[in-house]
Every structure is written in structure tokens, then in C-alpha cells.
Amino acid sequence: NPNPHIAFQKVPRPTEGSHLRVHILPFPRINEGRVQELLQE
């Protein structure tokens, strides 16, 4: 672990019946410019 400050978190499994929920907002659009800025940083 040469870079211990980088920690990866596990993504929790969806709860049972989560696909039936209608109040979940759609995934937002990705801002390509911001992604490029973060990659460059």
C-alpha cells in the first residue's frame, strides 16, 4: 500500500425491493469538463 491515504470504500448492495422505489432521482449527467479538471489535478 504505497499510498495509504487513498482508501477504497465498498459499495453496499441494494436493499431488497429497492428497484420498486419510484422516488429515486435519476443519475445526474456527468460534466465532462469537471471530469477532465479532476483528472488533471
All heavy atoms as atom14 arrays in JSON, in Angstrom:
{
  "sequence": "NPNPHIAFQKVPRPTEGSHLRVHILPFPRINEGRVQELLQE",
  "atom14_mask": [
    [1, 1, 1, 1, 1, 1, 1, 1, 0, 0, 0, 0, 0, 0],
    [1, 1, 1, 1, 1, 1, 1, 0, 0, 0, 0, 0, 0, 0],
    [1, 1, 1, 1, 1, 1, 1, 1, 0, 0, 0, 0, 0, 0],
    [1, 1, 1, 1, 1, 1, 1, 0, 0, 0, 0, 0, 0, 0],
    [1, 1, 1, 1, 1, 1, 1, 1, 1, 1, 0, 0, 0, 0],
    [1, 1, 1, 1, 1, 1, 1, 1, 0, 0, 0, 0, 0, 0],
    [1, 1, 1, 1, 1, 0, 0, 0, 0, 0, 0, 0, 0, 0],
    [1, 1, 1, 1, 1, 1, 1, 1, 1, 1, 1, 0, 0, 0],
    [1, 1, 1, 1, 1, 1, 1, 1, 1, 0, 0, 0, 0, 0],
    [1, 1, 1, 1, 1, 1, 1, 1, 1, 0, 0, 0, 0, 0],
    [1, 1, 1, 1, 1, 1, 1, 0, 0, 0, 0, 0, 0, 0],
    [1, 1, 1, 1, 1, 1, 1, 0, 0, 0, 0, 0, 0, 0],
    [1, 1, 1, 1, 1, 1, 1, 1, 1, 1, 1, 0, 0, 0],
    [1, 1, 1, 1, 1, 1, 1, 0, 0, 0, 0, 0, 0, 0],
    [1, 1, 1, 1, 1, 1, 1, 0, 0, 0, 0, 0, 0, 0],
    [1, 1, 1, 1, 1, 1, 1, 1, 1, 0, 0, 0, 0, 0],
    [1, 1, 1, 1, 0, 0, 0, 0, 0, 0, 0, 0, 0, 0],
    [1, 1, 1, 1, 1, 1, 0, 0, 0, 0, 0, 0, 0, 0],
    [1, 1, 1, 1, 1, 1, 1, 1, 1, 1, 0, 0, 0, 0],
    [1, 1, 1, 1, 1, 1, 1, 1, 0, 0, 0, 0, 0, 0],
    [1, 1, 1, 1, 1, 1, 1, 1, 1, 1, 1, 0, 0, 0],
    [1, 1, 1, 1, 1, 1, 1, 0, 0, 0, 0, 0, 0, 0],
    [1, 1, 1, 1, 1, 1, 1, 1, 1, 1, 0, 0, 0, 0],
    [1, 1, 1, 1, 1, 1, 1, 1, 0, 0, 0, 0, 0, 0],
    [1, 1, 1, 1, 1, 1, 1, 1, 0, 0, 0, 0, 0, 0],
    [1, 1, 1, 1, 1, 1, 1, 0, 0, 0, 0, 0, 0, 0],
    [1, 1, 1, 1, 1, 1, 1, 1, 1, 1, 1, 0, 0, 0],
    [1, 1, 1, 1, 1, 1, 1, 0, 0, 0, 0, 0, 0, 0],
    [1, 1, 1, 1, 1, 1, 1, 1, 1, 1, 1, 0, 0, 0],
    [1, 1, 1, 1, 1, 1, 1, 1, 0, 0, 0, 0, 0, 0],
    [1, 1, 1, 1, 1, 1, 1, 1, 0, 0, 0, 0, 0, 0],
    [1, 1, 1, 1, 1, 1, 1, 1, 1, 0, 0, 0, 0, 0],
    [1, 1, 1, 1, 0, 0, 0, 0, 0, 0, 0, 0, 0, 0],
    [1, 1, 1, 1, 1, 1, 1, 1, 1, 1, 1, 0, 0, 0],
    [1, 1, 1, 1, 1, 1, 1, 0, 0, 0, 0, 0, 0, 0],
    [1, 1, 1, 1, 1, 1, 1, 1, 1, 0, 0, 0, 0, 0],
    [1, 1, 1, 1, 1, 1, 1, 1, 1, 0, 0, 0, 0, 0],
    [1, 1, 1, 1, 1, 1, 1, 1, 0, 0, 0, 0, 0, 0],
    [1, 1, 1, 1, 1, 1, 1, 1, 0, 0, 0, 0, 0, 0],
    [1, 1, 1, 1, 1, 1, 1, 1, 1, 0, 0, 0, 0, 0],
    [1, 1, 1, 1, 1, 1, 1, 1, 1, 0, 0, 0, 0, 0]
  ],
  "atom14_positions": [
    [[0.84, -1.2, 0.0], [0.0, 0.0, 0.0], [0.88, 1.24, 0.0], [1.0, 1.9, 1.02], [-0.91, 0.01, 1.24], [-1.76, -1.22, 1.32], [-2.5, -1.52, 0.4], [-1.65, -1.95, 2.41], [0.0, 0.0, 0.0], [0.0, 0.0, 0.0], [0.0, 0.0, 0.0], [0.0, 0.0, 0.0], [0.0, 0.0, 0.0], [0.0, 0.0, 0.0]],
    [[1.5, 1.58, -1.14], [2.4, 2.73, -1.15], [1.69, 4.06, -0.9], [2.3, 5.0, -0.47], [3.02, 2.69, -2.54], [2.13, 1.85, -3.36], [1.42, 0.93, -2.43], [0.0, 0.0, 0.0], [0.0, 0.0, 0.0], [0.0, 0.0, 0.0], [0.0, 0.0, 0.0], [0.0, 0.0, 0.0], [0.0, 0.0, 0.0], [0.0, 0.0, 0.0]],
    [[0.39, 4.12, -1.15], [-0.38, 5.34, -0.92], [-1.51, 5.04, 0.07], [-2.66, 4.86, -0.33], [-0.97, 5.88, -2.23], [0.1, 6.25, -3.22], [1.12, 6.8, -2.84], [-0.11, 5.92, -4.48], [0.0, 0.0, 0.0], [0.0, 0.0, 0.0], [0.0, 0.0, 0.0], [0.0, 0.0, 0.0], [0.0, 0.0, 0.0], [0.0, 0.0, 0.0]],
    [[-1.21, 5.0, 1.37], [-2.23, 4.61, 2.35], [-3.36, 5.63, 2.49], [-4.42, 5.3, 2.99], [-1.45, 4.48, 3.66], [-0.24, 5.32, 3.46], [0.06, 5.3, 2.0], [0.0, 0.0, 0.0], [0.0, 0.0, 0.0], [0.0, 0.0, 0.0], [0.0, 0.0, 0.0], [0.0, 0.0, 0.0], [0.0, 0.0, 0.0], [0.0, 0.0, 0.0]],
    [[-3.14, 6.88, 2.02], [-4.19, 7.89, 2.16], [-5.35, 7.65, 1.18], [-6.42, 8.2, 1.35], [-3.61, 9.29, 1.96], [-2.98, 9.49, 0.62], [-1.71, 9.04, 0.33], [-3.45, 10.05, -0.51], [-1.44, 9.34, -0.92], [-2.47, 9.96, -1.46], [0.0, 0.0, 0.0], [0.0, 0.0, 0.0], [0.0, 0.0, 0.0], [0.0, 0.0, 0.0]],
    [[-5.1, 6.83, 0.16], [-6.17, 6.52, -0.78], [-6.9, 5.28, -0.27], [-6.35, 4.2, -0.23], [-5.61, 6.24, -2.19], [-4.87, 7.47, -2.71], [-6.72, 5.83, -3.14], [-4.16, 7.23, -4.02], [0.0, 0.0, 0.0], [0.0, 0.0, 0.0], [0.0, 0.0, 0.0], [0.0, 0.0, 0.0], [0.0, 0.0, 0.0], [0.0, 0.0, 0.0]],
    [[-8.11, 5.47, 0.15], [-8.89, 4.35, 0.69], [-10.09, 4.09, -0.22], [-10.75, 5.02, -0.66], [-9.36, 4.67, 2.1], [0.0, 0.0, 0.0], [0.0, 0.0, 0.0], [0.0, 0.0, 0.0], [0.0, 0.0, 0.0], [0.0, 0.0, 0.0], [0.0, 0.0, 0.0], [0.0, 0.0, 0.0], [0.0, 0.0, 0.0], [0.0, 0.0, 0.0]],
    [[-10.32, 2.85, -0.48], [-11.45, 2.48, -1.31], [-12.56, 1.96, -0.42], [-12.34, 1.1, 0.43], [-11.05, 1.39, -2.32], [-10.01, 1.86, -3.28], [-8.68, 1.54, -3.11], [-10.35, 2.65, -4.36], [-7.71, 1.98, -3.99], [-9.4, 3.1, -5.26], [-8.08, 2.76, -5.07], [0.0, 0.0, 0.0], [0.0, 0.0, 0.0], [0.0, 0.0, 0.0]],
    [[-13.75, 2.48, -0.62], [-14.89, 2.03, 0.15], [-15.7, 1.06, -0.67], [-15.84, 1.22, -1.89], [-15.78, 3.22, 0.54], [-15.07, 4.19, 1.45], [-15.97, 5.37, 1.78], [-17.06, 5.5, 1.24], [-15.51, 6.21, 2.67], [0.0, 0.0, 0.0], [0.0, 0.0, 0.0], [0.0, 0.0, 0.0], [0.0, 0.0, 0.0], [0.0, 0.0, 0.0]],
    [[-16.24, 0.06, 0.01], [-17.08, -0.91, -0.68], [-18.45, -0.29, -0.92], [-18.98, 0.41, -0.08], [-17.23, -2.18, 0.15], [-15.96, -2.98, 0.22], [-16.22, -4.28, 0.93], [-14.97, -5.12, 0.94], [-15.16, -6.38, 1.63], [0.0, 0.0, 0.0], [0.0, 0.0, 0.0], [0.0, 0.0, 0.0], [0.0, 0.0, 0.0], [0.0, 0.0, 0.0]],
    [[-19.01, -0.57, -2.06], [-20.34, -0.08, -2.39], [-21.33, -1.08, -1.81], [-21.25, -2.27, -2.11], [-20.53, 0.05, -3.91], [-21.93, 0.49, -4.25], [-19.5, 0.99, -4.49], [0.0, 0.0, 0.0], [0.0, 0.0, 0.0], [0.0, 0.0, 0.0], [0.0, 0.0, 0.0], [0.0, 0.0, 0.0], [0.0, 0.0, 0.0], [0.0, 0.0, 0.0]],
    [[-22.26, -0.61, -0.97], [-23.21, -1.56, -0.37], [-24.17, -2.12, -1.43], [-24.47, -1.45, -2.42], [-23.96, -0.72, 0.66], [-23.78, 0.69, 0.21], [-22.47, 0.75, -0.53], [0.0, 0.0, 0.0], [0.0, 0.0, 0.0], [0.0, 0.0, 0.0], [0.0, 0.0, 0.0], [0.0, 0.0, 0.0], [0.0, 0.0, 0.0], [0.0, 0.0, 0.0]],
    [[-24.59, -3.35, -1.19], [-25.57, -3.97, -2.09], [-26.91, -3.27, -1.91], [-27.26, -2.84, -0.81], [-25.73, -5.45, -1.75], [-24.43, -6.21, -1.93], [-24.66, -7.66, -1.7], [-24.57, -8.26, -3.03], [-25.03, -9.42, -3.35], [-25.65, -10.16, -2.46], [-24.89, -9.89, -4.56], [0.0, 0.0, 0.0], [0.0, 0.0, 0.0], [0.0, 0.0, 0.0]],
    [[-27.69, -3.17, -2.98], [-29.0, -2.55, -2.85], [-29.89, -3.38, -1.92], [-29.79, -4.6, -1.87], [-29.56, -2.56, -4.27], [-28.5, -3.08, -5.15], [-27.39, -3.6, -4.32], [0.0, 0.0, 0.0], [0.0, 0.0, 0.0], [0.0, 0.0, 0.0], [0.0, 0.0, 0.0], [0.0, 0.0, 0.0], [0.0, 0.0, 0.0], [0.0, 0.0, 0.0]],
    [[-30.71, -2.69, -1.2], [-31.62, -3.39, -0.28], [-32.7, -4.11, -1.08], [-32.96, -3.81, -2.25], [-32.28, -2.39, 0.7], [-32.97, -1.42, -0.08], [-31.25, -1.73, 1.57], [0.0, 0.0, 0.0], [0.0, 0.0, 0.0], [0.0, 0.0, 0.0], [0.0, 0.0, 0.0], [0.0, 0.0, 0.0], [0.0, 0.0, 0.0], [0.0, 0.0, 0.0]],
    [[-33.31, -5.05, -0.41], [-34.35, -5.84, -1.07], [-35.53, -4.93, -1.43], [-35.98, -4.13, -0.63], [-34.83, -6.93, -0.1], [-35.43, -8.12, -0.8], [-35.7, -9.25, 0.16], [-34.77, -9.68, 0.86], [-36.86, -9.68, 0.21], [0.0, 0.0, 0.0], [0.0, 0.0, 0.0], [0.0, 0.0, 0.0], [0.0, 0.0, 0.0], [0.0, 0.0, 0.0]],
    [[-35.98, -5.01, -2.64], [-37.11, -4.22, -3.1], [-36.75, -2.8, -3.49], [-37.64, -1.98, -3.76], [0.0, 0.0, 0.0], [0.0, 0.0, 0.0], [0.0, 0.0, 0.0], [0.0, 0.0, 0.0], [0.0, 0.0, 0.0], [0.0, 0.0, 0.0], [0.0, 0.0, 0.0], [0.0, 0.0, 0.0], [0.0, 0.0, 0.0], [0.0, 0.0, 0.0]],
    [[-35.47, -2.49, -3.54], [-35.08, -1.12, -3.88], [-35.47, -0.75, -5.31], [-35.7, 0.41, -5.61], [-33.58, -0.92, -3.69], [-32.86, -1.76, -4.56], [0.0, 0.0, 0.0], [0.0, 0.0, 0.0], [0.0, 0.0, 0.0], [0.0, 0.0, 0.0], [0.0, 0.0, 0.0], [0.0, 0.0, 0.0], [0.0, 0.0, 0.0], [0.0, 0.0, 0.0]],
    [[-35.55, -1.73, -6.18], [-35.91, -1.44, -7.57], [-37.37, -1.01, -7.71], [-37.77, -0.49, -8.74], [-35.63, -2.67, -8.44], [-36.47, -3.86, -8.08], [-36.2, -4.63, -6.95], [-37.57, -4.38, -8.66], [-37.1, -5.6, -6.88], [-37.94, -5.47, -7.91], [0.0, 0.0, 0.0], [0.0, 0.0, 0.0], [0.0, 0.0, 0.0], [0.0, 0.0, 0.0]],
    [[-38.17, -1.21, -6.67], [-39.58, -0.84, -6.73], [-39.83, 0.61, -6.31], [-40.92, 1.12, -6.48], [-40.4, -1.77, -5.83], [-40.34, -3.26, -6.21], [-41.06, -4.09, -5.18], [-40.93, -3.47, -7.59], [0.0, 0.0, 0.0], [0.0, 0.0, 0.0], [0.0, 0.0, 0.0], [0.0, 0.0, 0.0], [0.0, 0.0, 0.0], [0.0, 0.0, 0.0]],
    [[-38.79, 1.25, -5.78], [-38.96, 2.62, -5.31], [-39.06, 3.56, -6.5], [-38.24, 3.53, -7.41], [-37.8, 3.02, -4.42], [-37.74, 2.2, -3.16], [-36.72, 2.78, -2.2], [-36.49, 1.81, -1.16], [-35.3, 1.38, -0.78], [-34.22, 1.86, -1.33], [-35.19, 0.48, 0.17], [0.0, 0.0, 0.0], [0.0, 0.0, 0.0], [0.0, 0.0, 0.0]],
    [[-40.03, 4.44, -6.46], [-40.23, 5.38, -7.55], [-39.73, 6.79, -7.23], [-39.63, 7.62, -8.11], [-41.73, 5.46, -7.96], [-42.15, 4.18, -8.62], [-42.59, 5.83, -6.79], [0.0, 0.0, 0.0], [0.0, 0.0, 0.0], [0.0, 0.0, 0.0], [0.0, 0.0, 0.0], [0.0, 0.0, 0.0], [0.0, 0.0, 0.0], [0.0, 0.0, 0.0]],
    [[-39.4, 7.02, -5.97], [-38.99, 8.37, -5.57], [-37.49, 8.6, -5.78], [-36.98, 9.67, -5.46], [-39.36, 8.62, -4.1], [-38.63, 7.71, -3.17], [-39.06, 6.44, -2.93], [-37.52, 7.89, -2.43], [-38.23, 5.86, -2.07], [-37.29, 6.73, -1.76], [0.0, 0.0, 0.0], [0.0, 0.0, 0.0], [0.0, 0.0, 0.0], [0.0, 0.0, 0.0]],
    [[-36.77, 7.64, -6.33], [-35.34, 7.81, -6.56], [-35.13, 8.68, -7.79], [-35.7, 8.43, -8.85], [-34.65, 6.45, -6.74], [-34.8, 5.62, -5.46], [-33.18, 6.62, -7.1], [-34.22, 4.23, -5.56], [0.0, 0.0, 0.0], [0.0, 0.0, 0.0], [0.0, 0.0, 0.0], [0.0, 0.0, 0.0], [0.0, 0.0, 0.0], [0.0, 0.0, 0.0]],
    [[-34.29, 9.69, -7.63], [-33.99, 10.6, -8.73], [-33.06, 9.9, -9.73], [-32.24, 9.07, -9.36], [-33.32, 11.85, -8.2], [-34.15, 12.68, -7.21], [-33.3, 13.79, -6.63], [-35.37, 13.25, -7.92], [0.0, 0.0, 0.0], [0.0, 0.0, 0.0], [0.0, 0.0, 0.0], [0.0, 0.0, 0.0], [0.0, 0.0, 0.0], [0.0, 0.0, 0.0]],
    [[-33.18, 10.25, -10.99], [-32.27, 9.66, -11.98], [-30.85, 10.14, -11.74], [-30.62, 11.22, -11.18], [-32.82, 10.16, -13.32], [-33.63, 11.35, -12.99], [-34.13, 11.16, -11.59], [0.0, 0.0, 0.0], [0.0, 0.0, 0.0], [0.0, 0.0, 0.0], [0.0, 0.0, 0.0], [0.0, 0.0, 0.0], [0.0, 0.0, 0.0], [0.0, 0.0, 0.0]],
    [[-29.89, 9.34, -12.18], [-28.48, 9.67, -12.02], [-28.18, 10.94, -12.81], [-28.57, 11.07, -13.98], [-27.61, 8.51, -12.53], [-26.19, 8.6, -12.09], [-25.83, 8.27, -10.8], [-25.2, 9.03, -12.96], [-24.53, 8.34, -10.38], [-23.88, 9.11, -12.56], [-23.54, 8.76, -11.25], [0.0, 0.0, 0.0], [0.0, 0.0, 0.0], [0.0, 0.0, 0.0]],
    [[-27.51, 11.91, -12.19], [-27.26, 13.18, -12.89], [-26.27, 13.0, -14.05], [-25.47, 12.09, -14.05], [-26.66, 14.08, -11.8], [-26.11, 13.13, -10.8], [-26.96, 11.91, -10.85], [0.0, 0.0, 0.0], [0.0, 0.0, 0.0], [0.0, 0.0, 0.0], [0.0, 0.0, 0.0], [0.0, 0.0, 0.0], [0.0, 0.0, 0.0], [0.0, 0.0, 0.0]],
    [[-26.35, 13.92, -14.99], [-25.43, 13.9, -16.13], [-24.03, 14.28, -15.64], [-23.86, 15.11, -14.75], [-25.89, 14.92, -17.16], [-27.1, 14.47, -17.92], [-26.71, 14.6, -19.39], [-27.67, 14.14, -20.33], [-27.62, 12.96, -20.92], [-26.7, 12.11, -20.58], [-28.47, 12.64, -21.84], [0.0, 0.0, 0.0], [0.0, 0.0, 0.0], [0.0, 0.0, 0.0]],
    [[-23.05, 13.66, -16.26], [-21.66, 13.92, -15.89], [-21.15, 15.12, -16.67], [-21.31, 15.21, -17.89], [-20.79, 12.68, -16.17], [-21.24, 11.53, -15.29], [-19.32, 12.98, -15.97], [-20.51, 10.24, -15.54], [0.0, 0.0, 0.0], [0.0, 0.0, 0.0], [0.0, 0.0, 0.0], [0.0, 0.0, 0.0], [0.0, 0.0, 0.0], [0.0, 0.0, 0.0]],
    [[-20.53, 16.04, -15.94], [-19.95, 17.23, -16.55], [-18.54, 16.87, -17.04], [-17.61, 16.7, -16.25], [-19.88, 18.35, -15.51], [-19.33, 19.64, -16.07], [-18.71, 19.66, -17.13], [-19.56, 20.72, -15.34], [0.0, 0.0, 0.0], [0.0, 0.0, 0.0], [0.0, 0.0, 0.0], [0.0, 0.0, 0.0], [0.0, 0.0, 0.0], [0.0, 0.0, 0.0]],
    [[-18.38, 16.74, -18.35], [-17.11, 16.29, -18.92], [-15.96, 17.25, -18.6], [-14.83, 16.82, -18.36], [-17.24, 16.12, -20.43], [-18.12, 14.95, -20.83], [-18.24, 14.8, -22.33], [-17.24, 15.05, -23.05], [-19.33, 14.43, -22.77], [0.0, 0.0, 0.0], [0.0, 0.0, 0.0], [0.0, 0.0, 0.0], [0.0, 0.0, 0.0], [0.0, 0.0, 0.0]],
    [[-16.23, 18.52, -18.56], [-15.19, 19.5, -18.24], [-14.66, 19.31, -16.83], [-13.46, 19.36, -16.59], [0.0, 0.0, 0.0], [0.0, 0.0, 0.0], [0.0, 0.0, 0.0], [0.0, 0.0, 0.0], [0.0, 0.0, 0.0], [0.0, 0.0, 0.0], [0.0, 0.0, 0.0], [0.0, 0.0, 0.0], [0.0, 0.0, 0.0], [0.0, 0.0, 0.0]],
    [[-15.6, 19.08, -15.9], [-15.19, 18.89, -14.5], [-14.4, 17.59, -14.34], [-13.42, 17.53, -13.59], [-16.44, 18.88, -13.6], [-16.15, 18.72, -12.14], [-15.39, 19.92, -11.57], [-15.11, 19.69, -10.18], [-13.97, 20.0, -9.58], [-13.04, 20.64, -10.24], [-13.79, 19.74, -8.31], [0.0, 0.0, 0.0], [0.0, 0.0, 0.0], [0.0, 0.0, 0.0]],
    [[-14.78, 16.54, -15.06], [-14.05, 15.27, -15.01], [-12.62, 15.47, -15.49], [-11.67, 14.99, -14.86], [-14.78, 14.18, -15.85], [-13.91, 12.95, -16.03], [-16.11, 13.81, -15.22], [0.0, 0.0, 0.0], [0.0, 0.0, 0.0], [0.0, 0.0, 0.0], [0.0, 0.0, 0.0], [0.0, 0.0, 0.0], [0.0, 0.0, 0.0], [0.0, 0.0, 0.0]],
    [[-12.45, 16.22, -16.57], [-11.11, 16.49, -17.09], [-10.27, 17.29, -16.09], [-9.09, 17.04, -15.92], [-11.18, 17.23, -18.44], [-11.64, 16.37, -19.59], [-10.75, 15.16, -19.81], [-9.53, 15.24, -19.67], [-11.36, 14.03, -20.12], [0.0, 0.0, 0.0], [0.0, 0.0, 0.0], [0.0, 0.0, 0.0], [0.0, 0.0, 0.0], [0.0, 0.0, 0.0]],
    [[-10.91, 18.27, -15.43], [-10.21, 19.06, -14.41], [-9.72, 18.15, -13.28], [-8.58, 18.26, -12.84], [-11.15, 20.13, -13.83], [-11.42, 21.3, -14.73], [-12.43, 22.25, -14.09], [-12.52, 22.32, -12.85], [-13.16, 22.91, -14.85], [0.0, 0.0, 0.0], [0.0, 0.0, 0.0], [0.0, 0.0, 0.0], [0.0, 0.0, 0.0], [0.0, 0.0, 0.0]],
    [[-10.6, 17.27, -12.8], [-10.22, 16.36, -11.71], [-9.1, 15.41, -12.12], [-8.17, 15.15, -11.34], [-11.45, 15.57, -11.23], [-12.53, 16.37, -10.52], [-13.76, 15.52, -10.28], [-12.0, 16.91, -9.19], [0.0, 0.0, 0.0], [0.0, 0.0, 0.0], [0.0, 0.0, 0.0], [0.0, 0.0, 0.0], [0.0, 0.0, 0.0], [0.0, 0.0, 0.0]],
    [[-9.18, 14.9, -13.35], [-8.11, 14.03, -13.83], [-6.79, 14.78, -13.9], [-5.74, 14.25, -13.51], [-8.47, 13.47, -15.21], [-9.54, 12.39, -15.25], [-9.9, 12.06, -16.69], [-9.07, 11.15, -14.53], [0.0, 0.0, 0.0], [0.0, 0.0, 0.0], [0.0, 0.0, 0.0], [0.0, 0.0, 0.0], [0.0, 0.0, 0.0], [0.0, 0.0, 0.0]],
    [[-6.82, 16.01, -14.39], [-5.59, 16.8, -14.49], [-5.02, 17.1, -13.11], [-3.81, 17.04, -12.92], [-5.88, 18.1, -15.27], [-4.64, 18.8, -15.75], [-3.81, 17.93, -16.68], [-4.34, 17.21, -17.51], [-2.52, 17.97, -16.51], [0.0, 0.0, 0.0], [0.0, 0.0, 0.0], [0.0, 0.0, 0.0], [0.0, 0.0, 0.0], [0.0, 0.0, 0.0]],
    [[-5.88, 17.41, -12.14], [-5.43, 17.65, -10.77], [-4.75, 16.41, -10.21], [-3.71, 16.49, -9.57], [-6.61, 18.03, -9.87], [-7.1, 19.44, -10.02], [-8.32, 19.71, -9.14], [-8.47, 19.04, -8.09], [-9.12, 20.58, -9.51], [0.0, 0.0, 0.0], [0.0, 0.0, 0.0], [0.0, 0.0, 0.0], [0.0, 0.0, 0.0], [0.0, 0.0, 0.0]]
  ]
}
